[in-house]
C-alpha atoms as a PDB file:
ATOM      1  CA  MET A   1       0.000   0.000   0.000  1.00  0.00           C
ATOM      2  CA  ALA A   2       3.005   2.261   0.552  1.00  0.00           C
ATOM      3  CA  ASN A   3       3.561   2.498  -3.200  1.00  0.00           C
ATOM      4  CA  ARG A   4      -0.028   3.177  -4.197  1.00  0.00           C
ATOM      5  CA  ARG A   5      -2.983   5.293  -3.214  1.00  0.00           C
ATOM      6  CA  ALA A   6      -5.083   3.902  -0.343  1.00  0.00           C
ATOM      7  CA  SER A   7      -8.615   2.889  -1.292  1.00  0.00           C
ATOM      8  CA  ILE A   8     -11.876   2.352   0.567  1.00  0.00           C
ATOM      9  CA  THR A   9     -11.240  -1.390   0.202  1.00  0.00           C
ATOM     10  CA  ASP A  10      -7.890  -0.970   2.003  1.00  0.00           C
ATOM     11  CA  LEU A  11      -9.569   0.891   4.867  1.00  0.00           C
ATOM     12  CA  ALA A  12     -12.321  -1.707   5.107  1.00  0.00           C
ATOM     13  CA  LYS A  13      -9.895  -4.650   5.148  1.00  0.00           C
ATOM     14  CA  THR A  14      -7.702  -3.078   7.844  1.00  0.00           C
ATOM     15  CA  LEU A  15     -10.677  -2.206  10.059  1.00  0.00           C
ATOM     16  CA  GLY A  16     -12.608  -5.436   9.477  1.00  0.00           C
ATOM     17  CA  LEU A  17     -15.572  -3.528   8.080  1.00  0.00           C
ATOM     18  CA  SER A  18     -17.461  -3.680   4.797  1.00  0.00           C
ATOM     19  CA  ALA A  19     -16.549  -1.206   2.082  1.00  0.00           C
ATOM     20  CA  SER A  20     -20.088   0.177   2.154  1.00  0.00           C
ATOM     21  CA  THR A  21     -19.822   0.862   5.889  1.00  0.00           C
ATOM     22  CA  VAL A  22     -16.525   2.708   5.403  1.00  0.00           C
ATOM     23  CA  SER A  23     -18.031   4.717   2.568  1.00  0.00           C
ATOM     24  CA  ARG A  24     -21.031   5.721   4.668  1.00  0.00           C
ATOM     25  CA  ALA A  25     -18.781   6.569   7.618  1.00  0.00           C
ATOM     26  CA  LEU A  26     -16.699   8.894   5.464  1.00  0.00           C
ATOM     27  CA  ALA A  27     -19.922  10.482   4.198  1.00  0.00           C
ATOM     28  CA  ASP A  28     -21.076  10.977   7.825  1.00  0.00           C
ATOM     29  CA  HIS A  29     -24.260   8.890   7.436  1.00  0.00           C
ATOM     30  CA  ASN A  30     -26.521   8.692  10.464  1.00  0.00           C
ATOM     31  CA  ASP A  31     -26.750   4.896  10.305  1.00  0.00           C
ATOM     32  CA  VAL A  32     -23.066   4.543  11.280  1.00  0.00           C
ATOM     33  CA  SER A  33     -22.047   4.938  14.927  1.00  0.00           C
ATOM     34  CA  GLU A  34     -19.801   7.774  16.016  1.00  0.00           C
ATOM     35  CA  ALA A  35     -17.237   5.275  17.311  1.00  0.00           C
ATOM     36  CA  THR A  36     -17.005   3.595  13.900  1.00  0.00           C
ATOM     37  CA  LYS A  37     -16.788   6.963  12.154  1.00  0.00           C
ATOM     38  CA  GLU A  38     -13.893   7.964  14.398  1.00  0.00           C
ATOM     39  CA  ARG A  39     -12.017   4.709  13.650  1.00  0.00           C
ATOM     40  CA  VAL A  40     -12.509   5.176   9.918  1.00  0.00           C
ATOM     41  CA  ARG A  41     -11.472   8.852   9.954  1.00  0.00           C
ATOM     42  CA  ALA A  42      -8.370   8.106  12.025  1.00  0.00           C
ATOM     43  CA  LEU A  43      -7.172   5.390   9.650  1.00  0.00           C
ATOM     44  CA  ALA A  44      -8.024   7.502   6.601  1.00  0.00           C
ATOM     45  CA  LYS A  45      -5.852  10.291   7.995  1.00  0.00           C
ATOM     46  CA  GLU A  46      -3.035   7.873   8.849  1.00  0.00           C
ATOM     47  CA  LEU A  47      -3.017   6.414   5.330  1.00  0.00           C
ATOM     48  CA  ASN A  48      -3.571   9.823   3.707  1.00  0.00           C
ATOM     49  CA  TYR A  49      -6.694   8.481   2.028  1.00  0.00           C
ATOM     50  CA  GLN A  50      -8.082  10.775  -0.707  1.00  0.00           C
ATOM     51  CA  PRO A  51     -11.502  10.064  -2.227  1.00  0.00           C
ATOM     52  CA  ASN A  52     -11.636   9.429  -5.968  1.00  0.00           C
ATOM     53  CA  GLN A  53     -13.702  12.426  -6.980  1.00  0.00           C
ATOM     54  CA  LEU A  54     -13.870  11.374 -10.637  1.00  0.00           C
ATOM     55  CA  ALA A  55     -15.236   7.939  -9.784  1.00  0.00           C
ATOM     56  CA  ALA A  56     -17.793   9.512  -7.465  1.00  0.00           C
ATOM     57  CA  ALA A  57     -18.847  11.967 -10.151  1.00  0.00           C
ATOM     58  CA  LEU A  58     -19.199   9.186 -12.704  1.00  0.00           C
ATOM     59  CA  ARG A  59     -21.417   7.246 -10.308  1.00  0.00           C
ATOM     60  CA  ARG A  60     -23.642  10.327 -10.269  1.00  0.00           C
ATOM     61  CA  GLY A  61     -23.574  10.360 -14.082  1.00  0.00           C
ATOM     62  CA  ARG A  62     -21.410  13.512 -14.349  1.00  0.00           C
ATOM     63  CA  SER A  63     -17.624  13.720 -14.640  1.00  0.00           C
ATOM     64  CA  LYS A  64     -17.575  17.551 -14.320  1.00  0.00           C
ATOM     65  CA  THR A  65     -14.512  17.441 -16.569  1.00  0.00           C
ATOM     66  CA  LEU A  66     -13.882  19.085 -19.944  1.00  0.00           C
ATOM     67  CA  GLY A  67     -11.269  17.869 -22.427  1.00  0.00           C
ATOM     68  CA  VAL A  68      -9.006  20.571 -23.909  1.00  0.00           C
ATOM     69  CA  LEU A  69      -6.785  19.789 -26.901  1.00  0.00           C
ATOM     70  CA  VAL A  70      -4.248  22.295 -28.257  1.00  0.00           C
ATOM     71  CA  PRO A  71      -1.533  21.912 -30.911  1.00  0.00           C
ATOM     72  CA  HIS A  72       1.187  22.964 -28.430  1.00  0.00           C
ATOM     73  CA  ILE A  73       1.622  24.852 -25.175  1.00  0.00           C
ATOM     74  CA  THR A  74       4.630  26.945 -26.182  1.00  0.00           C
ATOM     75  CA  GLY A  75       4.578  30.682 -26.787  1.00  0.00           C
ATOM     76  CA  ASN A  76       1.961  33.089 -25.536  1.00  0.00           C
ATOM     77  CA  PHE A  77      -1.256  32.330 -27.408  1.00  0.00           C
ATOM     78  CA  PHE A  78      -2.288  28.793 -26.443  1.00  0.00           C
ATOM     79  CA  PRO A  79      -1.216  29.040 -22.775  1.00  0.00           C
ATOM     80  CA  HIS A  80      -3.359  32.175 -22.469  1.00  0.00           C
ATOM     81  CA  VAL A  81      -6.293  30.466 -24.197  1.00  0.00           C
ATOM     82  CA  VAL A  82      -5.965  27.529 -21.793  1.00  0.00           C
ATOM     83  CA  HIS A  83      -5.829  29.924 -18.851  1.00  0.00           C
ATOM     84  CA  GLY A  84      -9.081  31.499 -20.030  1.00  0.00           C
ATOM     85  CA  ILE A  85     -10.640  28.039 -20.443  1.00  0.00           C
ATOM     86  CA  ALA A  86      -9.574  26.828 -16.992  1.00  0.00           C
ATOM     87  CA  THR A  87     -10.699  30.024 -15.271  1.00  0.00           C
ATOM     88  CA  GLU A  88     -14.129  30.024 -16.909  1.00  0.00           C
ATOM     89  CA  ALA A  89     -14.626  26.282 -16.405  1.00  0.00           C
ATOM     90  CA  SER A  90     -13.779  26.554 -12.712  1.00  0.00           C
ATOM     91  CA  LYS A  91     -16.484  29.194 -12.239  1.00  0.00           C
ATOM     92  CA  SER A  92     -19.053  26.582 -13.239  1.00  0.00           C
ATOM     93  CA  GLY A  93     -17.518  23.785 -11.180  1.00  0.00           C
ATOM     94  CA  TYR A  94     -15.680  22.024 -14.016  1.00  0.00           C
ATOM     95  CA  ASN A  95     -12.149  20.675 -14.127  1.00  0.00           C
ATOM     96  CA  VAL A  96     -10.127  20.529 -17.348  1.00  0.00           C
ATOM     97  CA  LEU A  97      -8.064  17.686 -18.791  1.00  0.00           C
ATOM     98  CA  ILE A  98      -5.445  19.256 -21.085  1.00  0.00           C
ATOM     99  CA  CYS A  99      -3.614  17.460 -23.912  1.00  0.00           C
ATOM    100  CA  GLN A 100      -1.427  18.647 -26.782  1.00  0.00           C
ATOM    101  CA  SER A 101      -1.183  17.128 -30.241  1.00  0.00           C
ATOM    102  CA  ASP A 102       2.327  18.434 -31.026  1.00  0.00           C
ATOM    103  CA  GLU A 103       0.933  19.354 -34.475  1.00  0.00           C
ATOM    104  CA  ASP A 104       0.486  15.615 -35.180  1.00  0.00           C
ATOM    105  CA  VAL A 105      -2.927  14.373 -36.350  1.00  0.00           C
ATOM    106  CA  ARG A 106      -2.139  10.873 -35.061  1.00  0.00           C
ATOM    107  CA  GLN A 107      -1.605  12.221 -31.554  1.00  0.00           C
ATOM    108  CA  GLU A 108      -4.717  14.347 -31.948  1.00  0.00           C
ATOM    109  CA  LYS A 109      -6.770  11.214 -32.638  1.00  0.00           C
ATOM    110  CA  LYS A 110      -5.287   9.456 -29.583  1.00  0.00           C
ATOM    111  CA  ASN A 111      -6.155  12.458 -27.402  1.00  0.00           C
ATOM    112  CA  ILE A 112      -9.760  12.466 -28.634  1.00  0.00           C
ATOM    113  CA  ASP A 113     -10.023   8.749 -27.803  1.00  0.00           C
ATOM    114  CA  LEU A 114      -8.583   9.447 -24.352  1.00  0.00           C
ATOM    115  CA  PHE A 115     -11.188  12.151 -23.714  1.00  0.00           C
ATOM    116  CA  MET A 116     -14.063   9.882 -24.695  1.00  0.00           C
ATOM    117  CA  ASN A 117     -12.732   7.019 -22.561  1.00  0.00           C
ATOM    118  CA  ALA A 118     -12.363   9.430 -19.643  1.00  0.00           C
ATOM    119  CA  GLN A 119     -16.032  10.351 -20.085  1.00  0.00           C
ATOM    120  CA  VAL A 120     -15.444  14.075 -20.284  1.00  0.00           C
ATOM    121  CA  GLU A 121     -18.644  16.086 -20.629  1.00  0.00           C
ATOM    122  CA  GLY A 122     -17.399  18.098 -23.598  1.00  0.00           C
ATOM    123  CA  ILE A 123     -14.335  18.737 -25.757  1.00  0.00           C
ATOM    124  CA  LEU A 124     -12.653  22.006 -26.751  1.00  0.00           C
ATOM    125  CA  VAL A 125     -10.117  21.638 -29.549  1.00  0.00           C
ATOM    126  CA  SER A 126      -7.766  23.588 -31.795  1.00  0.00           C
ATOM    127  CA  LEU A 127      -6.593  21.510 -34.757  1.00  0.00           C
ATOM    128  CA  ALA A 128      -3.063  20.344 -35.522  1.00  0.00           C
ATOM    129  CA  ASN A 129      -1.438  21.759 -38.657  1.00  0.00           C
ATOM    130  CA  THR A 130      -1.428  18.257 -40.172  1.00  0.00           C
ATOM    131  CA  THR A 131      -5.148  17.545 -39.682  1.00  0.00           C
ATOM    132  CA  GLN A 132      -6.974  17.072 -42.985  1.00  0.00           C
ATOM    133  CA  ASP A 133      -9.037  13.965 -42.164  1.00  0.00           C
ATOM    134  CA  PHE A 134     -11.790  14.718 -39.645  1.00  0.00           C
ATOM    135  CA  ALA A 135     -13.275  11.251 -39.029  1.00  0.00           C
ATOM    136  CA  HIS A 136     -12.284  11.326 -35.339  1.00  0.00           C
ATOM    137  CA  PHE A 137     -14.551  14.328 -34.839  1.00  0.00           C
ATOM    138  CA  ASP A 138     -17.405  12.508 -36.561  1.00  0.00           C
ATOM    139  CA  ALA A 139     -16.979   9.908 -33.804  1.00  0.00           C
ATOM    140  CA  VAL A 140     -17.357  12.636 -31.169  1.00  0.00           C
ATOM    141  CA  GLN A 141     -20.574  13.782 -32.839  1.00  0.00           C
ATOM    142  CA  HIS A 142     -21.832  10.190 -32.942  1.00  0.00           C
ATOM    143  CA  GLN A 143     -21.441  10.091 -29.156  1.00  0.00           C
ATOM    144  CA  GLN A 144     -23.470  13.336 -28.969  1.00  0.00           C
ATOM    145  CA  LEU A 145     -20.614  14.882 -27.007  1.00  0.00           C
ATOM    146  CA  PRO A 146     -20.540  18.704 -27.094  1.00  0.00           C
ATOM    147  CA  LEU A 147     -17.647  19.901 -29.238  1.00  0.00           C
ATOM    148  CA  VAL A 148     -16.291  23.448 -29.539  1.00  0.00           C
ATOM    149  CA  PHE A 149     -13.460  24.322 -31.913  1.00  0.00           C
ATOM    150  CA  PHE A 150     -11.334  27.397 -31.274  1.00  0.00           C
ATOM    151  CA  ASP A 151      -8.788  29.294 -33.387  1.00  0.00           C
ATOM    152  CA  ARG A 152      -8.022  26.455 -35.831  1.00  0.00           C
ATOM    153  CA  ILE A 153     -11.348  25.001 -36.856  1.00  0.00           C
ATOM    154  CA  ILE A 154     -13.005  22.772 -39.461  1.00  0.00           C
ATOM    155  CA  GLU A 155     -14.868  25.239 -41.623  1.00  0.00           C
ATOM    156  CA  GLY A 156     -18.352  23.982 -42.443  1.00  0.00           C
ATOM    157  CA  PHE A 157     -18.287  21.240 -39.789  1.00  0.00           C
ATOM    158  CA  GLN A 158     -21.790  21.409 -38.344  1.00  0.00           C
ATOM    159  CA  GLY A 159     -23.985  19.569 -35.906  1.00  0.00           C
ATOM    160  CA  ALA A 160     -26.445  20.017 -33.082  1.00  0.00           C
ATOM    161  CA  ASN A 161     -23.633  19.697 -30.525  1.00  0.00           C
ATOM    162  CA  VAL A 162     -20.945  21.655 -32.372  1.00  0.00           C
ATOM    163  CA  SER A 163     -19.866  25.294 -32.270  1.00  0.00           C
ATOM    164  CA  ALA A 164     -16.717  27.382 -32.662  1.00  0.00           C
ATOM    165  CA  VAL A 165     -14.984  30.577 -31.621  1.00  0.00           C
ATOM    166  CA  VAL A 166     -12.449  32.216 -33.914  1.00  0.00           C
ATOM    167  CA  LEU A 167     -10.629  35.462 -34.437  1.00  0.00           C
ATOM    168  CA  ASN A 168     -11.415  37.494 -37.538  1.00  0.00           C
ATOM    169  CA  ASP A 169      -8.035  36.538 -38.988  1.00  0.00           C
ATOM    170  CA  TYR A 170      -8.901  38.067 -42.342  1.00  0.00           C
ATOM    171  CA  LEU A 171      -9.475  41.471 -40.755  1.00  0.00           C
ATOM    172  CA  GLY A 172      -6.328  41.212 -38.638  1.00  0.00           C
ATOM    173  CA  ALA A 173      -4.208  40.588 -41.719  1.00  0.00           C
ATOM    174  CA  TYR A 174      -6.007  43.275 -43.723  1.00  0.00           C
ATOM    175  CA  GLN A 175      -5.343  45.822 -40.965  1.00  0.00           C
ATOM    176  CA  ALA A 176      -1.673  44.824 -40.690  1.00  0.00           C
ATOM    177  CA  VAL A 177      -0.987  45.121 -44.420  1.00  0.00           C
ATOM    178  CA  SER A 178      -2.992  48.345 -44.746  1.00  0.00           C
ATOM    179  CA  HIS A 179      -0.916  49.805 -41.898  1.00  0.00           C
ATOM    180  CA  LEU A 180       2.318  48.953 -43.743  1.00  0.00           C
ATOM    181  CA  ILE A 181       0.985  50.581 -46.908  1.00  0.00           C
ATOM    182  CA  GLU A 182       0.010  53.709 -44.940  1.00  0.00           C
ATOM    183  CA  GLN A 183       3.615  53.826 -43.728  1.00  0.00           C
ATOM    184  CA  GLY A 184       4.803  54.074 -47.322  1.00  0.00           C
ATOM    185  CA  CYS A 185       5.576  50.408 -48.001  1.00  0.00           C
ATOM    186  CA  SER A 186       4.697  49.087 -51.463  1.00  0.00           C
ATOM    187  CA  ARG A 187       6.581  45.768 -51.759  1.00  0.00           C
ATOM    188  CA  ILE A 188       5.236  43.617 -48.932  1.00  0.00           C
ATOM    189  CA  GLY A 189       6.244  40.016 -48.343  1.00  0.00           C
ATOM    190  CA  PHE A 190       4.102  37.431 -46.554  1.00  0.00           C
ATOM    191  CA  PHE A 191       5.139  34.376 -44.497  1.00  0.00           C
ATOM    192  CA  SER A 192       2.496  31.821 -43.544  1.00  0.00           C
ATOM    193  CA  GLY A 193       1.761  28.269 -42.490  1.00  0.00           C
ATOM    194  CA  PRO A 194      -0.112  25.713 -44.674  1.00  0.00           C
ATOM    195  CA  LEU A 195      -3.181  27.129 -46.414  1.00  0.00           C
ATOM    196  CA  HIS A 196      -5.450  24.171 -45.607  1.00  0.00           C
ATOM    197  CA  VAL A 197      -5.526  25.545 -42.038  1.00  0.00           C
ATOM    198  CA  ASN A 198      -8.299  28.149 -41.736  1.00  0.00           C
ATOM    199  CA  ILE A 199      -6.252  30.788 -39.910  1.00  0.00           C
ATOM    200  CA  ASN A 200      -3.506  30.765 -42.565  1.00  0.00           C
ATOM    201  CA  LYS A 201      -5.993  30.787 -45.450  1.00  0.00           C
ATOM    202  CA  ASN A 202      -7.889  33.744 -43.985  1.00  0.00           C
ATOM    203  CA  ARG A 203      -4.749  35.721 -43.162  1.00  0.00           C
ATOM    204  CA  TYR A 204      -3.455  35.141 -46.679  1.00  0.00           C
ATOM    205  CA  GLN A 205      -6.732  36.390 -48.151  1.00  0.00           C
ATOM    206  CA  GLY A 206      -6.581  39.487 -45.947  1.00  0.00           C
ATOM    207  CA  TYR A 207      -3.052  40.152 -47.232  1.00  0.00           C
ATOM    208  CA  VAL A 208      -4.123  39.730 -50.864  1.00  0.00           C
ATOM    209  CA  ASP A 209      -7.227  41.905 -50.534  1.00  0.00           C
ATOM    210  CA  ALA A 210      -5.353  44.699 -48.759  1.00  0.00           C
ATOM    211  CA  LEU A 211      -2.827  44.859 -51.587  1.00  0.00           C
ATOM    212  CA  THR A 212      -5.629  44.884 -54.181  1.00  0.00           C
ATOM    213  CA  ALA A 213      -7.619  47.569 -52.346  1.00  0.00           C
ATOM    214  CA  HIS A 214      -4.586  49.837 -52.375  1.00  0.00           C
ATOM    215  CA  GLY A 215      -3.722  49.195 -56.023  1.00  0.00           C
ATOM    216  CA  LEU A 216      -0.594  47.131 -55.359  1.00  0.00           C
ATOM    217  CA  PRO A 217       0.300  44.008 -57.348  1.00  0.00           C
ATOM    218  CA  LEU A 218       0.445  40.511 -55.841  1.00  0.00           C
ATOM    219  CA  ARG A 219       3.991  39.254 -56.280  1.00  0.00           C
ATOM    220  CA  PRO A 220       4.218  35.463 -55.790  1.00  0.00           C
ATOM    221  CA  GLU A 221       7.985  35.609 -55.224  1.00  0.00           C
ATOM    222  CA  TYR A 222       7.315  37.594 -52.031  1.00  0.00           C
ATOM    223  CA  ILE A 223       5.105  34.857 -50.533  1.00  0.00           C
ATOM    224  CA  SER A 224       6.340  31.866 -48.490  1.00  0.00           C
ATOM    225  CA  HIS A 225       4.204  29.065 -47.061  1.00  0.00           C
ATOM    226  CA  HIS A 226       5.732  26.606 -44.579  1.00  0.00           C
ATOM    227  CA  ALA A 227       4.558  23.389 -42.935  1.00  0.00           C
ATOM    228  CA  ASP A 228       5.634  24.893 -39.624  1.00  0.00           C
ATOM    229  CA  ILE A 229       5.805  28.664 -39.296  1.00  0.00           C
ATOM    230  CA  ASN A 230       8.483  29.483 -36.703  1.00  0.00           C
ATOM    231  CA  LEU A 231      11.786  31.274 -36.058  1.00  0.00           C
ATOM    232  CA  LYS A 232      13.723  29.034 -38.450  1.00  0.00           C
ATOM    233  CA  SER A 233      11.240  29.243 -41.324  1.00  0.00           C
ATOM    234  CA  GLY A 234      11.043  33.026 -40.899  1.00  0.00           C
ATOM    235  CA  SER A 235      14.831  33.269 -41.179  1.00  0.00           C
ATOM    236  CA  GLN A 236      14.899  31.011 -44.246  1.00  0.00           C
ATOM    237  CA  ALA A 237      12.124  32.949 -45.965  1.00  0.00           C
ATOM    238  CA  MET A 238      13.835  36.284 -45.342  1.00  0.00           C
ATOM    239  CA  ARG A 239      17.182  35.039 -46.720  1.00  0.00           C
ATOM    240  CA  LYS A 240      15.320  33.977 -49.858  1.00  0.00           C
ATOM    241  CA  LEU A 241      13.676  37.406 -50.203  1.00  0.00           C
ATOM    242  CA  LEU A 242      16.957  39.258 -49.817  1.00  0.00           C
ATOM    243  CA  LYS A 243      18.413  37.382 -52.810  1.00  0.00           C
ATOM    244  CA  LEU A 244      15.735  38.795 -55.143  1.00  0.00           C
ATOM    245  CA  PRO A 245      16.727  41.531 -57.642  1.00  0.00           C
ATOM    246  CA  GLN A 246      14.166  43.796 -55.976  1.00  0.00           C
ATOM    247  CA  ARG A 247      13.708  42.930 -52.337  1.00  0.00           C
ATOM    248  CA  PRO A 248      10.559  43.820 -50.369  1.00  0.00           C
ATOM    249  CA  ASP A 249      10.448  46.908 -48.181  1.00  0.00           C
ATOM    250  CA  ALA A 250       8.198  45.190 -45.615  1.00  0.00           C
ATOM    251  CA  VAL A 251       7.173  41.734 -44.406  1.00  0.00           C
ATOM    252  CA  PHE A 252       4.001  40.597 -42.682  1.00  0.00           C
ATOM    253  CA  ALA A 253       4.084  37.132 -41.069  1.00  0.00           C
ATOM    254  CA  SER A 254       1.232  35.083 -39.673  1.00  0.00           C
ATOM    255  CA  ASN A 255       3.035  34.636 -36.377  1.00  0.00           C
ATOM    256  CA  ASP A 256       5.539  36.544 -34.289  1.00  0.00           C
ATOM    257  CA  LEU A 257       8.310  33.930 -34.169  1.00  0.00           C
ATOM    258  CA  ALA A 258       8.620  34.011 -37.940  1.00  0.00           C
ATOM    259  CA  ILE A 259       8.904  37.786 -38.008  1.00  0.00           C
ATOM    260  CA  VAL A 260      11.587  37.722 -35.294  1.00  0.00           C
ATOM    261  CA  GLY A 261      13.538  35.296 -37.487  1.00  0.00           C
ATOM    262  CA  ALA A 262      13.097  37.738 -40.366  1.00  0.00           C
ATOM    263  CA  MET A 263      14.271  40.609 -38.160  1.00  0.00           C
ATOM    264  CA  GLN A 264      17.467  38.767 -37.215  1.00  0.00           C
ATOM    265  CA  VAL A 265      18.349  38.173 -40.867  1.00  0.00           C
ATOM    266  CA  ALA A 266      17.561  41.776 -41.788  1.00  0.00           C
ATOM    267  CA  LYS A 267      19.968  42.980 -39.112  1.00  0.00           C
ATOM    268  CA  GLU A 268      22.662  40.540 -40.313  1.00  0.00           C
ATOM    269  CA  HIS A 269      22.376  42.234 -43.726  1.00  0.00           C
ATOM    270  CA  LYS A 270      22.708  45.701 -42.138  1.00  0.00           C
ATOM    271  CA  LEU A 271      19.108  46.624 -42.973  1.00  0.00           C
ATOM    272  CA  ARG A 272      17.468  49.123 -40.660  1.00  0.00           C
ATOM    273  CA  VAL A 273      14.093  48.205 -39.158  1.00  0.00           C
ATOM    274  CA  PRO A 274      11.726  49.851 -40.015  1.00  0.00           C
ATOM    275  CA  GLN A 275      13.465  52.354 -42.326  1.00  0.00           C
ATOM    276  CA  ASP A 276      14.726  49.750 -44.813  1.00  0.00           C
ATOM    277  CA  MET A 277      12.454  46.863 -43.847  1.00  0.00           C
ATOM    278  CA  ALA A 278       9.223  47.310 -41.878  1.00  0.00           C
ATOM    279  CA  LEU A 279       7.958  44.244 -40.030  1.00  0.00           C
ATOM    280  CA  VAL A 280       4.590  43.139 -38.616  1.00  0.00           C
ATOM    281  CA  GLY A 281       3.734  39.856 -36.884  1.00  0.00           C
ATOM    282  CA  PHE A 282       0.619  38.131 -35.598  1.00  0.00           C
ATOM    283  CA  SER A 283      -0.163  36.892 -32.039  1.00  0.00           C
ATOM    284  CA  ASN A 284       1.179  39.702 -29.849  1.00  0.00           C
ATOM    285  CA  GLU A 285       3.553  37.395 -27.995  1.00  0.00           C
ATOM    286  CA  ALA A 286       5.066  38.690 -24.752  1.00  0.00           C
ATOM    287  CA  PHE A 287       8.498  39.068 -26.363  1.00  0.00           C
ATOM    288  CA  THR A 288       7.189  41.586 -28.935  1.00  0.00           C
ATOM    289  CA  GLU A 289       7.755  44.332 -26.367  1.00  0.00           C
ATOM    290  CA  LEU A 290      11.316  43.141 -25.713  1.00  0.00           C
ATOM    291  CA  THR A 291      12.751  43.005 -29.244  1.00  0.00           C
ATOM    292  CA  GLU A 292      14.814  45.865 -30.649  1.00  0.00           C
ATOM    293  CA  PRO A 293      12.936  47.537 -32.181  1.00  0.00           C
ATOM    294  CA  THR A 294       9.709  46.497 -30.488  1.00  0.00           C
ATOM    295  CA  LEU A 295       7.452  44.494 -32.775  1.00  0.00           C
ATOM    296  CA  THR A 296       4.111  45.526 -34.257  1.00  0.00           C
ATOM    297  CA  SER A 297       1.671  42.629 -34.026  1.00  0.00           C
ATOM    298  CA  VAL A 298      -1.990  41.634 -34.194  1.00  0.00           C
ATOM    299  CA  ASP A 299      -3.477  40.713 -30.817  1.00  0.00           C
ATOM    300  CA  GLN A 300      -5.583  37.520 -30.935  1.00  0.00           C
ATOM    301  CA  ARG A 301      -7.753  38.021 -27.820  1.00  0.00           C
ATOM    302  CA  SER A 302      -6.408  34.746 -26.437  1.00  0.00           C
ATOM    303  CA  GLU A 303      -7.944  34.687 -22.941  1.00  0.00           C
ATOM    304  CA  GLN A 304     -11.242  36.008 -24.281  1.00  0.00           C
ATOM    305  CA  MET A 305     -11.216  33.179 -26.820  1.00  0.00           C
ATOM    306  CA  GLY A 306     -10.754  30.594 -24.064  1.00  0.00           C
ATOM    307  CA  ARG A 307     -13.518  32.015 -21.896  1.00  0.00           C
ATOM    308  CA  THR A 308     -15.879  32.259 -24.872  1.00  0.00           C
ATOM    309  CA  ALA A 309     -15.176  28.659 -25.875  1.00  0.00           C
ATOM    310  CA  VAL A 310     -16.207  27.409 -22.421  1.00  0.00           C
ATOM    311  CA  ARG A 311     -19.379  29.504 -22.428  1.00  0.00           C
ATOM    312  CA  LEU A 312     -20.340  28.005 -25.783  1.00  0.00           C
ATOM    313  CA  LEU A 313     -19.678  24.506 -24.491  1.00  0.00           C
ATOM    314  CA  LEU A 314     -21.798  25.069 -21.394  1.00  0.00           C
ATOM    315  CA  LYS A 315     -24.627  26.331 -23.611  1.00  0.00           C
ATOM    316  CA  LEU A 316     -24.372  23.135 -25.647  1.00  0.00           C
ATOM    317  CA  LEU A 317     -24.498  21.059 -22.460  1.00  0.00           C
ATOM    318  CA  ASN A 318     -27.611  22.800 -21.191  1.00  0.00           C
ATOM    319  CA  ARG A 319     -29.569  23.472 -24.376  1.00  0.00           C
ATOM    320  CA  ALA A 320     -32.780  21.716 -25.352  1.00  0.00           C
ATOM    321  CA  ALA A 321     -32.492  18.932 -27.922  1.00  0.00           C
ATOM    322  CA  THR A 322     -34.759  20.854 -30.309  1.00  0.00           C
ATOM    323  CA  ALA A 323     -32.880  24.158 -30.029  1.00  0.00           C
ATOM    324  CA  PRO A 324     -31.232  25.514 -33.217  1.00  0.00           C
ATOM    325  CA  PRO A 325     -27.446  25.140 -33.637  1.00  0.00           C
ATOM    326  CA  LEU A 326     -25.282  27.736 -31.912  1.00  0.00           C
ATOM    327  CA  LYS A 327     -23.695  30.223 -34.284  1.00  0.00           C
ATOM    328  CA  PRO A 328     -19.878  30.496 -34.202  1.00  0.00           C
ATOM    329  CA  VAL A 329     -18.492  33.483 -32.311  1.00  0.00           C
ATOM    330  CA  VAL A 330     -16.066  35.752 -34.169  1.00  0.00           C
ATOM    331  CA  LEU A 331     -13.745  37.932 -32.074  1.00  0.00           C
ATOM    332  CA  GLU A 332     -12.295  41.192 -33.373  1.00  0.00           C
ATOM    333  CA  PRO A 333      -8.501  41.521 -33.660  1.00  0.00           C
ATOM    334  CA  LYS A 334      -6.503  44.537 -32.535  1.00  0.00           C
ATOM    335  CA  LEU A 335      -3.396  45.806 -34.285  1.00  0.00           C
ATOM    336  CA  ILE A 336      -0.790  46.784 -31.687  1.00  0.00           C
ATOM    337  CA  VAL A 337       1.489  49.276 -33.441  1.00  0.00           C
ATOM    338  CA  ARG A 338       5.088  49.422 -32.177  1.00  0.00           C
ATOM    339  CA  ASP A 339       8.448  50.577 -33.517  1.00  0.00           C
ATOM    340  CA  SER A 340       9.129  47.840 -36.119  1.00  0.00           C
ATOM    341  CA  SER A 341       6.634  49.283 -38.608  1.00  0.00           C
ATOM    342  CA  VAL A 342       6.421  53.040 -37.913  1.00  0.00           C
ATOM    343  CA  ARG A 343       8.195  55.035 -40.610  1.00  0.00           C
ATOM    344  CA  LEU A 344       6.188  58.237 -40.881  1.00  0.00           C
ATOM    345  CA  ALA A 345       5.878  61.018 -38.322  1.00  0.00           C
ATOM    346  CA  GLY A 346       2.299  61.385 -37.162  1.00  0.00           C
ATOM    347  CA  LYS A 347       1.545  57.710 -37.914  1.00  0.00           C
ATOM    348  CA  ALA A 348       2.950  56.424 -34.650  1.00  0.00           C
ATOM    349  CA  LYS A 349       1.494  53.987 -32.214  1.00  0.00           C
ATOM    350  CA  ALA A 350      -2.230  53.468 -32.192  1.00  0.00           C
END
């Protein structure tokens, strides 16, 4: 017993009582004598007995647990989303079981199976970059388990027990590129992740439409898509741009790590930021205020997204079977203007 958690059965065996008597004693039932209760409590304290709250909840038909699946827990965005989820869930008496897919659809499928076997009451998920087959989410729907996607979602995936919360990624990108154009930039590069992922597709479209709205051409040689958008891919993409006969005068990237990689390469080539190369990222990571120069970025409303996702899930749990599907919630981005993109006097930080 020293190497494992003490159980009610262990208490009962040691005291020569039935497991049901021990259980009632711990619950302070009136049909158990005070002397027996004292014996049970004393041994429970000695053995550091802790009740299995999950098992008790399942016996009542409720696990009071939500499954949360994120692609990774690095950086600023997903940890802040998870914090919002945990805080909001706790307000309603729910615990959270958190898993990460490591951007691997195979691990994502295993995590979904784990959640269903653990009898969570609902699942909140942001897709891995590699997810293109969605059969594992059909299985969740078949179990009539409430499912809320956030940030990275399956567009068009519908059902009575399904909803989503996203950022208006298109608008965030449109604002970022329009800001660069207002600062006098006309040759703007774009770094992104794979376009089958909704956030990358929408940010790319925002980039394209901003150029078109301002009468600027789309130059394919200025665009880089990567399986994993990070510091390394940002550096590689910038080195490629700087070899062009006419290099860009600005770069917008769909995350902040990539734009920091671009900034490092720009400095290696003695380019001044923002005078020679203006830079804008996406996510508003904590380090954006620590770079030199500080980095302009699009804030993703991360904690608000987490809280909203839980509220949607709780609505799904408590809604009538005949109620109409819940509409997805779209959050508004905010462009945080810092030194890396401000070229013109009077156009400084908003």
